[in-house]
Amino acid sequence: MLRFLYTIALALFCVSCRNSSQEQVSKYYEDGMAKPVIALSPLIDTTSFEIPWSLSEEFSDLVFNRLYHKGSLFLSGHNRDPLSSSENPFGTDISWIKKQFSPNEFVVFLELVEHDMIPVTKSSDPSENSSNLNLAVRVRIVDIRGTTPKIVLQELIRESYYIGRTLIPFNYSQLPWGTDEYATSPMALAHASLIKNISERINDYILLAKSRWNG
């Protein structure tokens, strides 16, 4: 019983720490102008890539942390709620988004649609062959400041990363996401590069939409 209570207390403490950390980022720029308030919905992973952790969690955390530390946007605490199976953020009906994510100004949806390691055959000897890591993420940004939600950006971002044969034998089961070793692995570096590109697109398009707002 004591162990159960301790576990609950620890979980609540971690949530509190995360919320407190977010509150340290001001909602205003130095000139007093308000930053765009955004909700980052957890990435939807529709790939079948087998790996011993959640790519959804990894990509969601990478995007959140990059936008958080950039400091141009204010990420609300709503960004961790998962969508239900009946809610399709990439469908034609987006009327439900305003009600679900209010009082945010913008909502960012991400979908990982490709994550494949493709062998590159250059020799009859398999030990001399390399691979390409092909990645693709669908991005949709919805502006919910007005009466009707409006799509600000819809884009499929694709990138491919060459992984030399000397870098391929990396044991992701023993050194998964979250370890120091994984952070310097070929896959982690590829993910970080893609997330940098995605985060910059999110940041730029939201700031542009904010600057053009007429009320």
N, C-alpha and C. Protein backbone atom coordinates (compact mmCIF):
# COMPACT_ATOMS: atom_id res chain seq x y z
N MET A 1 0.82 -1.20 0.00
CA MET A 1 0.00 0.00 0.00
C MET A 1 0.86 1.26 0.00
N LEU A 2 1.90 1.25 0.85
CA LEU A 2 2.80 2.40 0.92
C LEU A 2 3.52 2.61 -0.41
N ARG A 3 3.90 1.50 -1.04
CA ARG A 3 4.58 1.60 -2.33
C ARG A 3 3.64 2.20 -3.37
N PHE A 4 2.37 1.81 -3.34
CA PHE A 4 1.39 2.35 -4.29
C PHE A 4 1.23 3.86 -4.10
N LEU A 5 1.11 4.29 -2.83
CA LEU A 5 0.96 5.72 -2.55
C LEU A 5 2.19 6.50 -2.96
N TYR A 6 3.35 5.89 -2.77
CA TYR A 6 4.60 6.54 -3.16
C TYR A 6 4.65 6.73 -4.67
N THR A 7 4.20 5.71 -5.43
CA THR A 7 4.20 5.79 -6.89
C THR A 7 3.28 6.91 -7.38
N ILE A 8 2.09 7.01 -6.78
CA ILE A 8 1.15 8.07 -7.16
C ILE A 8 1.74 9.43 -6.86
N ALA A 9 2.35 9.58 -5.69
CA ALA A 9 2.94 10.86 -5.29
C ALA A 9 4.06 11.26 -6.23
N LEU A 10 4.87 10.29 -6.63
CA LEU A 10 5.98 10.56 -7.54
C LEU A 10 5.47 11.00 -8.90
N ALA A 11 4.42 10.36 -9.40
CA ALA A 11 3.85 10.73 -10.70
C ALA A 11 3.30 12.14 -10.67
N LEU A 12 2.60 12.49 -9.60
CA LEU A 12 2.06 13.85 -9.48
C LEU A 12 3.17 14.88 -9.38
N PHE A 13 4.25 14.51 -8.70
CA PHE A 13 5.38 15.42 -8.57
C PHE A 13 6.01 15.69 -9.92
N CYS A 14 6.15 14.65 -10.75
CA CYS A 14 6.75 14.81 -12.08
C CYS A 14 5.91 15.71 -12.96
N VAL A 15 4.58 15.54 -12.91
CA VAL A 15 3.68 16.39 -13.69
C VAL A 15 3.80 17.83 -13.23
N SER A 16 3.87 18.02 -11.91
CA SER A 16 4.00 19.36 -11.36
C SER A 16 5.28 20.02 -11.81
N CYS A 17 6.37 19.26 -11.83
CA CYS A 17 7.66 19.80 -12.26
C CYS A 17 7.62 20.22 -13.72
N ARG A 18 6.95 19.42 -14.55
CA ARG A 18 6.87 19.74 -15.98
C ARG A 18 6.05 21.00 -16.20
N ASN A 19 4.93 21.11 -15.49
CA ASN A 19 4.09 22.30 -15.62
C ASN A 19 4.81 23.54 -15.11
N SER A 20 5.56 23.39 -14.00
CA SER A 20 6.28 24.52 -13.44
C SER A 20 7.36 24.99 -14.41
N SER A 21 8.01 24.01 -15.05
CA SER A 21 9.04 24.35 -16.02
C SER A 21 8.46 25.13 -17.18
N GLN A 22 7.27 24.73 -17.64
CA GLN A 22 6.63 25.43 -18.75
C GLN A 22 6.26 26.85 -18.35
N GLU A 23 5.81 27.02 -17.10
CA GLU A 23 5.40 28.35 -16.67
C GLU A 23 6.57 29.32 -16.59
N GLN A 24 7.82 28.80 -16.56
CA GLN A 24 8.99 29.67 -16.52
C GLN A 24 9.18 30.40 -17.84
N VAL A 25 8.60 29.90 -18.92
CA VAL A 25 8.66 30.58 -20.21
C VAL A 25 7.55 31.61 -20.26
N SER A 26 7.92 32.85 -20.46
CA SER A 26 6.95 33.93 -20.45
C SER A 26 5.99 33.83 -21.63
N LYS A 27 4.76 34.26 -21.41
CA LYS A 27 3.78 34.31 -22.48
C LYS A 27 3.96 35.56 -23.34
N TYR A 28 4.93 36.40 -22.99
CA TYR A 28 5.11 37.67 -23.69
C TYR A 28 6.56 37.85 -24.13
N TYR A 29 6.71 38.56 -25.24
CA TYR A 29 8.03 38.95 -25.69
C TYR A 29 8.52 40.11 -24.83
N GLU A 30 9.78 40.48 -25.01
CA GLU A 30 10.35 41.56 -24.22
C GLU A 30 9.66 42.90 -24.47
N ASP A 31 9.04 43.07 -25.66
CA ASP A 31 8.35 44.33 -25.96
C ASP A 31 6.91 44.33 -25.43
N GLY A 32 6.51 43.26 -24.75
CA GLY A 32 5.17 43.19 -24.17
C GLY A 32 4.13 42.53 -25.04
N MET A 33 4.47 42.22 -26.30
CA MET A 33 3.53 41.55 -27.19
C MET A 33 3.36 40.09 -26.76
N ALA A 34 2.12 39.60 -26.89
CA ALA A 34 1.83 38.22 -26.48
C ALA A 34 2.34 37.23 -27.53
N LYS A 35 2.90 36.13 -27.06
CA LYS A 35 3.34 35.06 -27.94
C LYS A 35 2.14 34.22 -28.39
N PRO A 36 2.23 33.59 -29.56
CA PRO A 36 1.17 32.67 -29.97
C PRO A 36 1.07 31.51 -28.97
N VAL A 37 -0.14 31.16 -28.58
CA VAL A 37 -0.35 30.06 -27.65
C VAL A 37 -0.74 28.82 -28.47
N ILE A 38 0.07 27.78 -28.38
CA ILE A 38 -0.18 26.61 -29.22
C ILE A 38 -0.32 25.34 -28.40
N ALA A 39 -1.08 24.41 -28.95
CA ALA A 39 -1.18 23.06 -28.41
C ALA A 39 -0.51 22.12 -29.40
N LEU A 40 0.37 21.28 -28.91
CA LEU A 40 1.06 20.31 -29.75
C LEU A 40 0.48 18.93 -29.45
N SER A 41 -0.33 18.45 -30.37
CA SER A 41 -0.95 17.13 -30.18
C SER A 41 0.09 16.04 -30.38
N PRO A 42 0.04 14.96 -29.59
CA PRO A 42 1.03 13.88 -29.74
C PRO A 42 1.07 13.34 -31.16
N LEU A 43 2.26 13.10 -31.65
CA LEU A 43 2.43 12.59 -33.01
C LEU A 43 1.72 11.25 -33.18
N ILE A 44 1.08 11.09 -34.33
CA ILE A 44 0.41 9.85 -34.69
C ILE A 44 1.38 9.02 -35.53
N ASP A 45 1.67 7.81 -35.09
CA ASP A 45 2.59 6.94 -35.82
C ASP A 45 1.80 5.88 -36.58
N THR A 46 1.80 5.99 -37.91
CA THR A 46 1.08 5.02 -38.74
C THR A 46 2.04 4.10 -39.49
N THR A 47 3.30 4.09 -39.06
CA THR A 47 4.27 3.19 -39.67
C THR A 47 4.26 1.85 -38.95
N SER A 48 4.99 0.90 -39.49
CA SER A 48 5.09 -0.43 -38.88
C SER A 48 6.55 -0.74 -38.52
N PHE A 49 7.33 0.31 -38.34
CA PHE A 49 8.74 0.12 -38.02
C PHE A 49 8.88 -0.45 -36.62
N GLU A 50 9.59 -1.55 -36.49
CA GLU A 50 9.73 -2.23 -35.20
C GLU A 50 10.94 -1.70 -34.45
N ILE A 51 10.67 -1.19 -33.26
CA ILE A 51 11.71 -0.64 -32.41
C ILE A 51 11.22 -0.74 -30.97
N PRO A 52 12.10 -0.94 -29.99
CA PRO A 52 11.65 -1.19 -28.62
C PRO A 52 11.22 0.03 -27.82
N TRP A 53 10.74 1.07 -28.47
CA TRP A 53 10.16 2.21 -27.76
C TRP A 53 9.16 2.89 -28.69
N SER A 54 8.48 3.88 -28.19
CA SER A 54 7.45 4.56 -28.96
C SER A 54 8.05 5.70 -29.78
N LEU A 55 7.99 5.58 -31.11
CA LEU A 55 8.44 6.67 -31.95
C LEU A 55 7.56 7.90 -31.77
N SER A 56 6.29 7.67 -31.44
CA SER A 56 5.38 8.79 -31.18
C SER A 56 5.88 9.63 -30.01
N GLU A 57 6.26 8.96 -28.92
CA GLU A 57 6.76 9.67 -27.76
C GLU A 57 8.08 10.38 -28.06
N GLU A 58 8.97 9.70 -28.77
CA GLU A 58 10.26 10.30 -29.08
C GLU A 58 10.09 11.56 -29.93
N PHE A 59 9.35 11.46 -31.03
CA PHE A 59 9.18 12.59 -31.92
C PHE A 59 8.41 13.73 -31.24
N SER A 60 7.38 13.39 -30.47
CA SER A 60 6.61 14.41 -29.76
C SER A 60 7.49 15.18 -28.79
N ASP A 61 8.33 14.47 -28.04
CA ASP A 61 9.22 15.11 -27.09
C ASP A 61 10.25 15.98 -27.80
N LEU A 62 10.79 15.49 -28.91
CA LEU A 62 11.79 16.26 -29.65
C LEU A 62 11.22 17.58 -30.16
N VAL A 63 10.01 17.53 -30.74
CA VAL A 63 9.39 18.75 -31.24
C VAL A 63 9.07 19.70 -30.10
N PHE A 64 8.47 19.16 -29.04
CA PHE A 64 8.11 19.99 -27.89
C PHE A 64 9.34 20.70 -27.32
N ASN A 65 10.41 19.95 -27.10
CA ASN A 65 11.60 20.52 -26.48
C ASN A 65 12.25 21.56 -27.38
N ARG A 66 12.26 21.31 -28.68
CA ARG A 66 12.89 22.27 -29.59
C ARG A 66 12.10 23.58 -29.63
N LEU A 67 10.77 23.50 -29.71
CA LEU A 67 9.95 24.71 -29.72
C LEU A 67 10.00 25.41 -28.37
N TYR A 68 10.04 24.62 -27.31
CA TYR A 68 10.08 25.17 -25.96
C TYR A 68 11.34 26.00 -25.75
N HIS A 69 12.47 25.47 -26.14
CA HIS A 69 13.74 26.16 -25.92
C HIS A 69 13.96 27.31 -26.91
N LYS A 70 13.29 27.26 -28.05
CA LYS A 70 13.39 28.38 -28.99
C LYS A 70 12.75 29.62 -28.40
N GLY A 71 11.64 29.44 -27.68
CA GLY A 71 11.03 30.52 -26.92
C GLY A 71 10.16 31.49 -27.70
N SER A 72 9.90 31.23 -28.98
CA SER A 72 9.08 32.15 -29.78
C SER A 72 7.59 31.90 -29.60
N LEU A 73 7.24 30.69 -29.16
CA LEU A 73 5.85 30.29 -28.99
C LEU A 73 5.62 29.89 -27.54
N PHE A 74 4.38 30.00 -27.10
CA PHE A 74 4.03 29.52 -25.76
C PHE A 74 3.25 28.23 -25.89
N LEU A 75 3.84 27.13 -25.44
CA LEU A 75 3.19 25.82 -25.52
C LEU A 75 2.34 25.60 -24.28
N SER A 76 1.06 25.40 -24.49
CA SER A 76 0.14 25.23 -23.37
C SER A 76 0.25 23.83 -22.79
N GLY A 77 -0.33 23.64 -21.62
CA GLY A 77 -0.31 22.34 -20.97
C GLY A 77 -1.26 21.34 -21.58
N HIS A 78 -2.00 21.72 -22.63
CA HIS A 78 -3.00 20.84 -23.24
C HIS A 78 -2.36 19.85 -24.20
N ASN A 79 -1.08 20.03 -24.48
CA ASN A 79 -0.47 19.32 -25.60
C ASN A 79 -0.20 17.84 -25.36
N ARG A 80 -0.55 17.28 -24.20
CA ARG A 80 -0.28 15.88 -23.93
C ARG A 80 -1.52 15.00 -24.06
N ASP A 81 -2.68 15.58 -24.29
CA ASP A 81 -3.90 14.78 -24.36
C ASP A 81 -3.98 14.03 -25.69
N PRO A 82 -4.12 12.71 -25.67
CA PRO A 82 -4.23 11.94 -26.92
C PRO A 82 -5.60 12.13 -27.56
N LEU A 83 -5.65 11.97 -28.86
CA LEU A 83 -6.91 12.06 -29.58
C LEU A 83 -7.65 10.73 -29.50
N SER A 84 -8.96 10.80 -29.61
CA SER A 84 -9.75 9.57 -29.64
C SER A 84 -9.72 9.00 -31.05
N SER A 85 -10.15 7.75 -31.17
CA SER A 85 -10.11 7.08 -32.47
C SER A 85 -11.05 7.71 -33.49
N SER A 86 -12.05 8.46 -33.02
CA SER A 86 -13.02 9.07 -33.93
C SER A 86 -12.58 10.45 -34.43
N GLU A 87 -11.49 10.96 -33.88
CA GLU A 87 -11.03 12.29 -34.24
C GLU A 87 -9.87 12.19 -35.24
N ASN A 88 -10.10 12.70 -36.44
CA ASN A 88 -9.08 12.66 -37.50
C ASN A 88 -8.61 14.08 -37.80
N PRO A 89 -7.46 14.47 -37.26
CA PRO A 89 -6.98 15.85 -37.45
C PRO A 89 -6.55 16.15 -38.88
N PHE A 90 -6.40 15.10 -39.72
CA PHE A 90 -6.00 15.31 -41.10
C PHE A 90 -7.17 15.11 -42.08
N GLY A 91 -8.38 15.01 -41.52
CA GLY A 91 -9.56 14.86 -42.36
C GLY A 91 -10.10 16.19 -42.83
N THR A 92 -11.23 16.15 -43.52
CA THR A 92 -11.84 17.38 -44.04
C THR A 92 -12.65 18.11 -42.97
N ASP A 93 -13.17 17.37 -42.01
CA ASP A 93 -13.95 17.99 -40.93
C ASP A 93 -13.01 18.34 -39.77
N ILE A 94 -12.78 19.63 -39.59
CA ILE A 94 -11.91 20.07 -38.49
C ILE A 94 -12.67 20.97 -37.52
N SER A 95 -13.99 20.94 -37.61
CA SER A 95 -14.81 21.82 -36.76
C SER A 95 -14.66 21.50 -35.27
N TRP A 96 -14.37 20.24 -34.94
CA TRP A 96 -14.25 19.79 -33.55
C TRP A 96 -12.99 20.31 -32.86
N ILE A 97 -12.01 20.74 -33.66
CA ILE A 97 -10.71 21.12 -33.10
C ILE A 97 -10.81 22.35 -32.21
N LYS A 98 -11.61 23.32 -32.60
CA LYS A 98 -11.73 24.55 -31.82
C LYS A 98 -12.26 24.27 -30.42
N LYS A 99 -13.30 23.46 -30.33
CA LYS A 99 -13.89 23.15 -29.03
C LYS A 99 -12.94 22.35 -28.16
N GLN A 100 -12.25 21.39 -28.77
CA GLN A 100 -11.38 20.50 -28.00
C GLN A 100 -10.13 21.20 -27.49
N PHE A 101 -9.58 22.13 -28.27
CA PHE A 101 -8.30 22.73 -27.93
C PHE A 101 -8.39 24.18 -27.47
N SER A 102 -9.58 24.71 -27.33
CA SER A 102 -9.74 26.05 -26.78
C SER A 102 -9.24 26.04 -25.33
N PRO A 103 -8.57 27.12 -24.85
CA PRO A 103 -8.42 28.47 -25.42
C PRO A 103 -7.10 28.71 -26.14
N ASN A 104 -6.49 27.65 -26.71
CA ASN A 104 -5.28 27.86 -27.50
C ASN A 104 -5.60 28.66 -28.75
N GLU A 105 -4.55 29.17 -29.39
CA GLU A 105 -4.72 29.91 -30.65
C GLU A 105 -4.42 29.05 -31.86
N PHE A 106 -3.45 28.15 -31.70
CA PHE A 106 -3.05 27.27 -32.80
C PHE A 106 -2.90 25.84 -32.26
N VAL A 107 -3.15 24.87 -33.14
CA VAL A 107 -2.96 23.46 -32.79
C VAL A 107 -2.08 22.84 -33.86
N VAL A 108 -1.07 22.08 -33.43
CA VAL A 108 -0.16 21.42 -34.35
C VAL A 108 -0.39 19.92 -34.30
N PHE A 109 -0.62 19.34 -35.47
CA PHE A 109 -0.80 17.89 -35.58
C PHE A 109 0.33 17.31 -36.43
N LEU A 110 0.84 16.16 -36.02
CA LEU A 110 1.94 15.50 -36.72
C LEU A 110 1.59 14.03 -36.93
N GLU A 111 1.99 13.51 -38.08
CA GLU A 111 1.78 12.08 -38.36
C GLU A 111 3.03 11.52 -39.03
N LEU A 112 3.62 10.52 -38.41
CA LEU A 112 4.77 9.83 -39.00
C LEU A 112 4.24 8.79 -39.98
N VAL A 113 4.44 9.02 -41.27
CA VAL A 113 3.88 8.14 -42.29
C VAL A 113 4.94 7.25 -42.94
N GLU A 114 6.21 7.56 -42.71
CA GLU A 114 7.27 6.71 -43.26
C GLU A 114 8.47 6.70 -42.32
N HIS A 115 8.96 5.50 -42.05
CA HIS A 115 10.17 5.32 -41.25
C HIS A 115 10.75 3.97 -41.66
N ASP A 116 11.55 4.00 -42.73
CA ASP A 116 12.03 2.75 -43.32
C ASP A 116 13.54 2.77 -43.50
N MET A 117 14.16 1.66 -43.16
CA MET A 117 15.59 1.48 -43.40
C MET A 117 15.74 0.66 -44.68
N ILE A 118 16.21 1.31 -45.75
CA ILE A 118 16.31 0.68 -47.06
C ILE A 118 17.77 0.35 -47.37
N PRO A 119 18.08 -0.93 -47.57
CA PRO A 119 19.46 -1.31 -47.89
C PRO A 119 19.92 -0.69 -49.21
N VAL A 120 21.18 -0.26 -49.23
CA VAL A 120 21.80 0.27 -50.44
C VAL A 120 22.84 -0.75 -50.89
N THR A 121 22.55 -1.43 -51.97
CA THR A 121 23.42 -2.51 -52.44
C THR A 121 24.48 -1.96 -53.38
N LYS A 122 25.71 -2.07 -52.94
CA LYS A 122 26.84 -1.62 -53.77
C LYS A 122 27.84 -2.74 -54.03
N SER A 123 27.61 -3.86 -53.36
CA SER A 123 28.55 -4.97 -53.50
C SER A 123 27.81 -6.28 -53.27
N SER A 124 28.39 -7.34 -53.76
CA SER A 124 27.81 -8.67 -53.53
C SER A 124 28.05 -9.13 -52.10
N ASP A 125 28.94 -8.44 -51.40
CA ASP A 125 29.22 -8.75 -50.00
C ASP A 125 28.31 -7.92 -49.10
N PRO A 126 27.33 -8.53 -48.38
CA PRO A 126 26.39 -7.78 -47.54
C PRO A 126 27.07 -6.92 -46.49
N SER A 127 28.25 -7.33 -46.03
CA SER A 127 28.94 -6.57 -44.98
C SER A 127 29.44 -5.22 -45.48
N GLU A 128 29.48 -5.04 -46.80
CA GLU A 128 29.98 -3.79 -47.36
C GLU A 128 28.85 -2.85 -47.77
N ASN A 129 27.61 -3.29 -47.57
CA ASN A 129 26.47 -2.48 -47.98
C ASN A 129 26.03 -1.51 -46.90
N SER A 130 25.35 -0.45 -47.32
CA SER A 130 24.89 0.59 -46.41
C SER A 130 23.36 0.67 -46.46
N SER A 131 22.79 1.71 -45.86
CA SER A 131 21.34 1.87 -45.84
C SER A 131 20.96 3.34 -45.93
N ASN A 132 19.74 3.56 -46.40
CA ASN A 132 19.12 4.88 -46.34
C ASN A 132 17.97 4.81 -45.35
N LEU A 133 17.92 5.76 -44.41
CA LEU A 133 16.79 5.86 -43.50
C LEU A 133 15.85 6.91 -44.07
N ASN A 134 14.72 6.44 -44.61
CA ASN A 134 13.74 7.33 -45.22
C ASN A 134 12.66 7.70 -44.20
N LEU A 135 12.45 9.00 -44.03
CA LEU A 135 11.50 9.51 -43.05
C LEU A 135 10.52 10.47 -43.72
N ALA A 136 9.28 10.45 -43.26
CA ALA A 136 8.27 11.39 -43.76
C ALA A 136 7.28 11.68 -42.65
N VAL A 137 7.03 12.96 -42.41
CA VAL A 137 6.09 13.39 -41.38
C VAL A 137 5.09 14.37 -42.00
N ARG A 138 3.82 14.09 -41.80
CA ARG A 138 2.77 15.00 -42.23
C ARG A 138 2.54 16.04 -41.13
N VAL A 139 2.49 17.29 -41.53
CA VAL A 139 2.32 18.40 -40.59
C VAL A 139 1.07 19.19 -40.96
N ARG A 140 0.23 19.44 -39.96
CA ARG A 140 -0.94 20.31 -40.16
C ARG A 140 -1.05 21.26 -38.98
N ILE A 141 -1.10 22.55 -39.28
CA ILE A 141 -1.28 23.58 -38.26
C ILE A 141 -2.65 24.21 -38.46
N VAL A 142 -3.44 24.25 -37.40
CA VAL A 142 -4.79 24.79 -37.48
C VAL A 142 -4.90 26.03 -36.59
N ASP A 143 -5.38 27.10 -37.17
CA ASP A 143 -5.62 28.37 -36.46
C ASP A 143 -7.05 28.33 -35.92
N ILE A 144 -7.20 28.41 -34.60
CA ILE A 144 -8.54 28.32 -34.01
C ILE A 144 -8.94 29.62 -33.31
N ARG A 145 -8.34 30.74 -33.73
CA ARG A 145 -8.68 32.02 -33.11
C ARG A 145 -10.03 32.54 -33.59
N GLY A 146 -10.39 32.25 -34.81
CA GLY A 146 -11.64 32.74 -35.37
C GLY A 146 -12.82 31.84 -35.05
N THR A 147 -13.94 32.16 -35.62
CA THR A 147 -15.15 31.36 -35.42
C THR A 147 -15.01 29.97 -36.00
N THR A 148 -14.35 29.89 -37.16
CA THR A 148 -14.15 28.61 -37.85
C THR A 148 -12.66 28.28 -37.91
N PRO A 149 -12.27 27.06 -37.55
CA PRO A 149 -10.86 26.68 -37.65
C PRO A 149 -10.33 26.83 -39.07
N LYS A 150 -9.09 27.26 -39.18
CA LYS A 150 -8.48 27.51 -40.48
C LYS A 150 -7.12 26.83 -40.54
N ILE A 151 -6.86 26.12 -41.65
CA ILE A 151 -5.58 25.44 -41.82
C ILE A 151 -4.52 26.46 -42.26
N VAL A 152 -3.47 26.56 -41.46
CA VAL A 152 -2.38 27.49 -41.74
C VAL A 152 -1.30 26.83 -42.59
N LEU A 153 -1.02 25.57 -42.28
CA LEU A 153 0.00 24.82 -43.02
C LEU A 153 -0.39 23.36 -43.09
N GLN A 154 -0.24 22.80 -44.28
CA GLN A 154 -0.39 21.36 -44.45
C GLN A 154 0.71 20.91 -45.39
N GLU A 155 1.60 20.09 -44.88
CA GLU A 155 2.79 19.75 -45.65
C GLU A 155 3.29 18.36 -45.27
N LEU A 156 3.85 17.67 -46.24
CA LEU A 156 4.49 16.38 -46.01
C LEU A 156 5.99 16.62 -46.13
N ILE A 157 6.70 16.47 -45.03
CA ILE A 157 8.13 16.73 -45.00
C ILE A 157 8.87 15.41 -45.08
N ARG A 158 9.66 15.25 -46.14
CA ARG A 158 10.41 14.01 -46.37
C ARG A 158 11.91 14.28 -46.30
N GLU A 159 12.62 13.34 -45.73
CA GLU A 159 14.08 13.41 -45.72
C GLU A 159 14.64 12.00 -45.76
N SER A 160 15.84 11.87 -46.32
CA SER A 160 16.50 10.57 -46.40
C SER A 160 17.93 10.73 -45.89
N TYR A 161 18.38 9.79 -45.07
CA TYR A 161 19.69 9.88 -44.45
C TYR A 161 20.51 8.63 -44.79
N TYR A 162 21.68 8.88 -45.34
CA TYR A 162 22.58 7.78 -45.69
C TYR A 162 23.31 7.31 -44.44
N ILE A 163 23.27 6.02 -44.19
CA ILE A 163 23.95 5.43 -43.03
C ILE A 163 24.98 4.44 -43.54
N GLY A 164 26.23 4.77 -43.35
CA GLY A 164 27.32 3.93 -43.83
C GLY A 164 27.34 2.58 -43.14
N ARG A 165 27.99 1.62 -43.76
CA ARG A 165 27.99 0.24 -43.25
C ARG A 165 28.65 0.14 -41.88
N THR A 166 29.60 1.01 -41.58
CA THR A 166 30.28 0.94 -40.28
C THR A 166 29.39 1.43 -39.14
N LEU A 167 28.28 2.12 -39.49
CA LEU A 167 27.39 2.67 -38.46
C LEU A 167 26.12 1.84 -38.28
N ILE A 168 25.89 0.88 -39.17
CA ILE A 168 24.64 0.11 -39.14
C ILE A 168 24.54 -0.82 -37.92
N PRO A 169 25.59 -1.55 -37.53
CA PRO A 169 25.42 -2.50 -36.42
C PRO A 169 25.31 -1.82 -35.05
N PHE A 170 24.24 -1.07 -34.85
CA PHE A 170 23.97 -0.40 -33.57
C PHE A 170 22.82 -1.12 -32.90
N ASN A 171 23.01 -1.57 -31.67
CA ASN A 171 22.00 -2.36 -30.97
C ASN A 171 21.01 -1.44 -30.27
N TYR A 172 19.88 -1.17 -30.93
CA TYR A 172 18.87 -0.26 -30.36
C TYR A 172 18.07 -0.92 -29.24
N SER A 173 18.15 -2.23 -29.12
CA SER A 173 17.46 -2.90 -28.02
C SER A 173 18.19 -2.69 -26.70
N GLN A 174 19.51 -2.72 -26.75
CA GLN A 174 20.30 -2.52 -25.54
C GLN A 174 20.58 -1.04 -25.26
N LEU A 175 20.55 -0.22 -26.32
CA LEU A 175 20.83 1.21 -26.17
C LEU A 175 19.68 2.00 -26.78
N PRO A 176 18.52 1.99 -26.14
CA PRO A 176 17.32 2.61 -26.71
C PRO A 176 17.29 4.12 -26.51
N TRP A 177 16.23 4.72 -27.02
CA TRP A 177 15.98 6.14 -26.82
C TRP A 177 15.98 6.46 -25.32
N GLY A 178 16.70 7.51 -24.96
CA GLY A 178 16.81 7.91 -23.57
C GLY A 178 18.19 7.66 -23.00
N THR A 179 18.97 6.81 -23.66
CA THR A 179 20.33 6.56 -23.20
C THR A 179 21.29 7.55 -23.87
N ASP A 180 22.42 7.77 -23.22
CA ASP A 180 23.43 8.68 -23.78
C ASP A 180 23.97 8.14 -25.10
N GLU A 181 24.10 6.82 -25.18
CA GLU A 181 24.64 6.21 -26.40
C GLU A 181 23.69 6.41 -27.59
N TYR A 182 22.40 6.31 -27.33
CA TYR A 182 21.44 6.47 -28.42
C TYR A 182 21.50 7.88 -29.00
N ALA A 183 21.75 8.87 -28.16
CA ALA A 183 21.74 10.27 -28.60
C ALA A 183 22.73 10.54 -29.72
N THR A 184 23.78 9.72 -29.82
CA THR A 184 24.78 9.91 -30.87
C THR A 184 24.70 8.83 -31.95
N SER A 185 23.65 8.04 -31.93
CA SER A 185 23.49 6.98 -32.92
C SER A 185 23.02 7.57 -34.24
N PRO A 186 23.20 6.83 -35.35
CA PRO A 186 22.74 7.33 -36.66
C PRO A 186 21.25 7.65 -36.69
N MET A 187 20.44 6.81 -36.08
CA MET A 187 18.99 7.05 -36.10
C MET A 187 18.62 8.30 -35.31
N ALA A 188 19.23 8.48 -34.14
CA ALA A 188 18.93 9.66 -33.32
C ALA A 188 19.32 10.94 -34.04
N LEU A 189 20.46 10.92 -34.71
CA LEU A 189 20.92 12.11 -35.43
C LEU A 189 20.00 12.41 -36.62
N ALA A 190 19.52 11.35 -37.27
CA ALA A 190 18.58 11.53 -38.38
C ALA A 190 17.27 12.12 -37.87
N HIS A 191 16.77 11.59 -36.75
CA HIS A 191 15.54 12.12 -36.16
C HIS A 191 15.69 13.58 -35.78
N ALA A 192 16.82 13.92 -35.16
CA ALA A 192 17.05 15.29 -34.71
C ALA A 192 17.10 16.26 -35.88
N SER A 193 17.71 15.83 -36.99
CA SER A 193 17.78 16.69 -38.17
C SER A 193 16.39 16.94 -38.76
N LEU A 194 15.58 15.88 -38.84
CA LEU A 194 14.22 16.03 -39.35
C LEU A 194 13.38 16.92 -38.44
N ILE A 195 13.49 16.72 -37.13
CA ILE A 195 12.71 17.51 -36.18
C ILE A 195 13.11 18.97 -36.23
N LYS A 196 14.38 19.26 -36.46
CA LYS A 196 14.83 20.65 -36.60
C LYS A 196 14.10 21.31 -37.76
N ASN A 197 14.00 20.61 -38.88
CA ASN A 197 13.32 21.14 -40.05
C ASN A 197 11.83 21.35 -39.77
N ILE A 198 11.20 20.36 -39.16
CA ILE A 198 9.77 20.44 -38.85
C ILE A 198 9.49 21.59 -37.88
N SER A 199 10.29 21.70 -36.84
CA SER A 199 10.09 22.73 -35.82
C SER A 199 10.24 24.13 -36.40
N GLU A 200 11.18 24.30 -37.30
CA GLU A 200 11.37 25.60 -37.92
C GLU A 200 10.16 25.97 -38.78
N ARG A 201 9.60 24.99 -39.47
CA ARG A 201 8.40 25.24 -40.28
C ARG A 201 7.23 25.63 -39.39
N ILE A 202 7.06 24.89 -38.30
CA ILE A 202 5.97 25.20 -37.36
C ILE A 202 6.13 26.60 -36.81
N ASN A 203 7.32 26.91 -36.34
CA ASN A 203 7.59 28.22 -35.74
C ASN A 203 7.34 29.35 -36.73
N ASP A 204 7.87 29.22 -37.95
CA ASP A 204 7.77 30.29 -38.95
C ASP A 204 6.33 30.52 -39.39
N TYR A 205 5.58 29.44 -39.64
CA TYR A 205 4.22 29.60 -40.14
C TYR A 205 3.27 30.14 -39.07
N ILE A 206 3.48 29.75 -37.83
CA ILE A 206 2.62 30.28 -36.76
C ILE A 206 2.91 31.76 -36.53
N LEU A 207 4.17 32.13 -36.54
CA LEU A 207 4.51 33.55 -36.36
C LEU A 207 3.97 34.38 -37.51
N LEU A 208 4.02 33.84 -38.73
CA LEU A 208 3.48 34.56 -39.87
C LEU A 208 1.97 34.72 -39.75
N ALA A 209 1.29 33.66 -39.37
CA ALA A 209 -0.17 33.73 -39.20
C ALA A 209 -0.54 34.70 -38.08
N LYS A 210 0.23 34.71 -37.02
CA LYS A 210 -0.02 35.63 -35.90
C LYS A 210 0.12 37.08 -36.34
N SER A 211 1.12 37.35 -37.18
CA SER A 211 1.37 38.73 -37.61
C SER A 211 0.29 39.24 -38.57
N ARG A 212 -0.41 38.32 -39.23
CA ARG A 212 -1.43 38.71 -40.21
C ARG A 212 -2.84 38.72 -39.64
N TRP A 213 -2.94 38.45 -38.35
CA TRP A 213 -4.27 38.37 -37.72
C TRP A 213 -4.94 39.73 -37.67
N ASN A 214 -6.21 39.78 -38.13
CA ASN A 214 -7.00 41.01 -38.10
C ASN A 214 -8.09 40.99 -37.04
N GLY A 215 -8.21 39.87 -36.32
CA GLY A 215 -9.27 39.74 -35.32
C GLY A 215 -10.55 39.26 -35.93
